[in-house]
Every structure is written in structure tokens, then in C-alpha cells.
Amino acid sequence: PAEVLVHLAHLPFHMARARKLLVLCSVDFLRSFEAVAQLYVWIATGGSLDDVVLVPLGGPTAAEDVLSSLDAFHVMWIEPVANRQVQERLVRTVEIASVSRFNEVVRSFIRCVPQGAPDEL
């Protein structure tokens, strides 16, 4: 459990130093509080959507499913984290950002979803 808190504390530092963000994204990814928090941190630390490579996972309709999930995203429907301390810190992150800003940032990743038929991706 302590390792998870250390990782969470260092996440902004690592994100700020990264030049690109690779997101292996499925509908389940977008239900994970920890996962979507990383998307938020990418933008909050100065990352650009132009430097995001989003790869939809989950079969032939993956891109469409991810697109729909991002479009309908709201943090209130996110699955809570099992570790209570991590959950509390992530909730504080949303409170500081504001729920509407957090949702807006996560939804902005819509533009990173590849368009076209799967064989064109």
C-alpha cells in the first residue's frame, strides 16, 4: 500500500518529464479512477493532446466504444479505488480541479481516438 502512495505522489513529476503519452485504452480503463486521473495529470502538468497516442483495445468496435465512453464520461460514475488512502487523494485532486474541469479534461481525449476502420488504424 505504501508503494502505491509513493507512485501516486511521483506521478506528476514523471508525467511532466515525459514527451509522449501512450494510452492503451479500453472501456474498463475509462472506469478506473487511477487511470483517468493519469489522463488529468498529463494535461495538468503541461502535456498536450498532440503528444498522446491512444490505442483502443477490445476488438473491432474498440475505437467506437472508447469514443462513446469518453463522450459520456463523468467522474461520479467512476469505480472507487480499493485503497482508501489512494481514493481520498484522487478525490482531493478532483475537488481541487473541480468536477466540471476534471470531466472536461478527460473528455478532451476524444480527439486522440483514431478515426476510421480498424484496418486503417
Foldseek 3Di string as FASTA:
>chain_A
DVVVVVCVVCLLVVLLPDQAAEAADFLLLLQALVNLVSLVSNVVSPHDLVRYAYHFDDDQCRLVRRLVSLVPDFPVNHDADPDPVVSVVSVVVCVVCPRVNSSVSSSVNSVNRDDDGPVVD
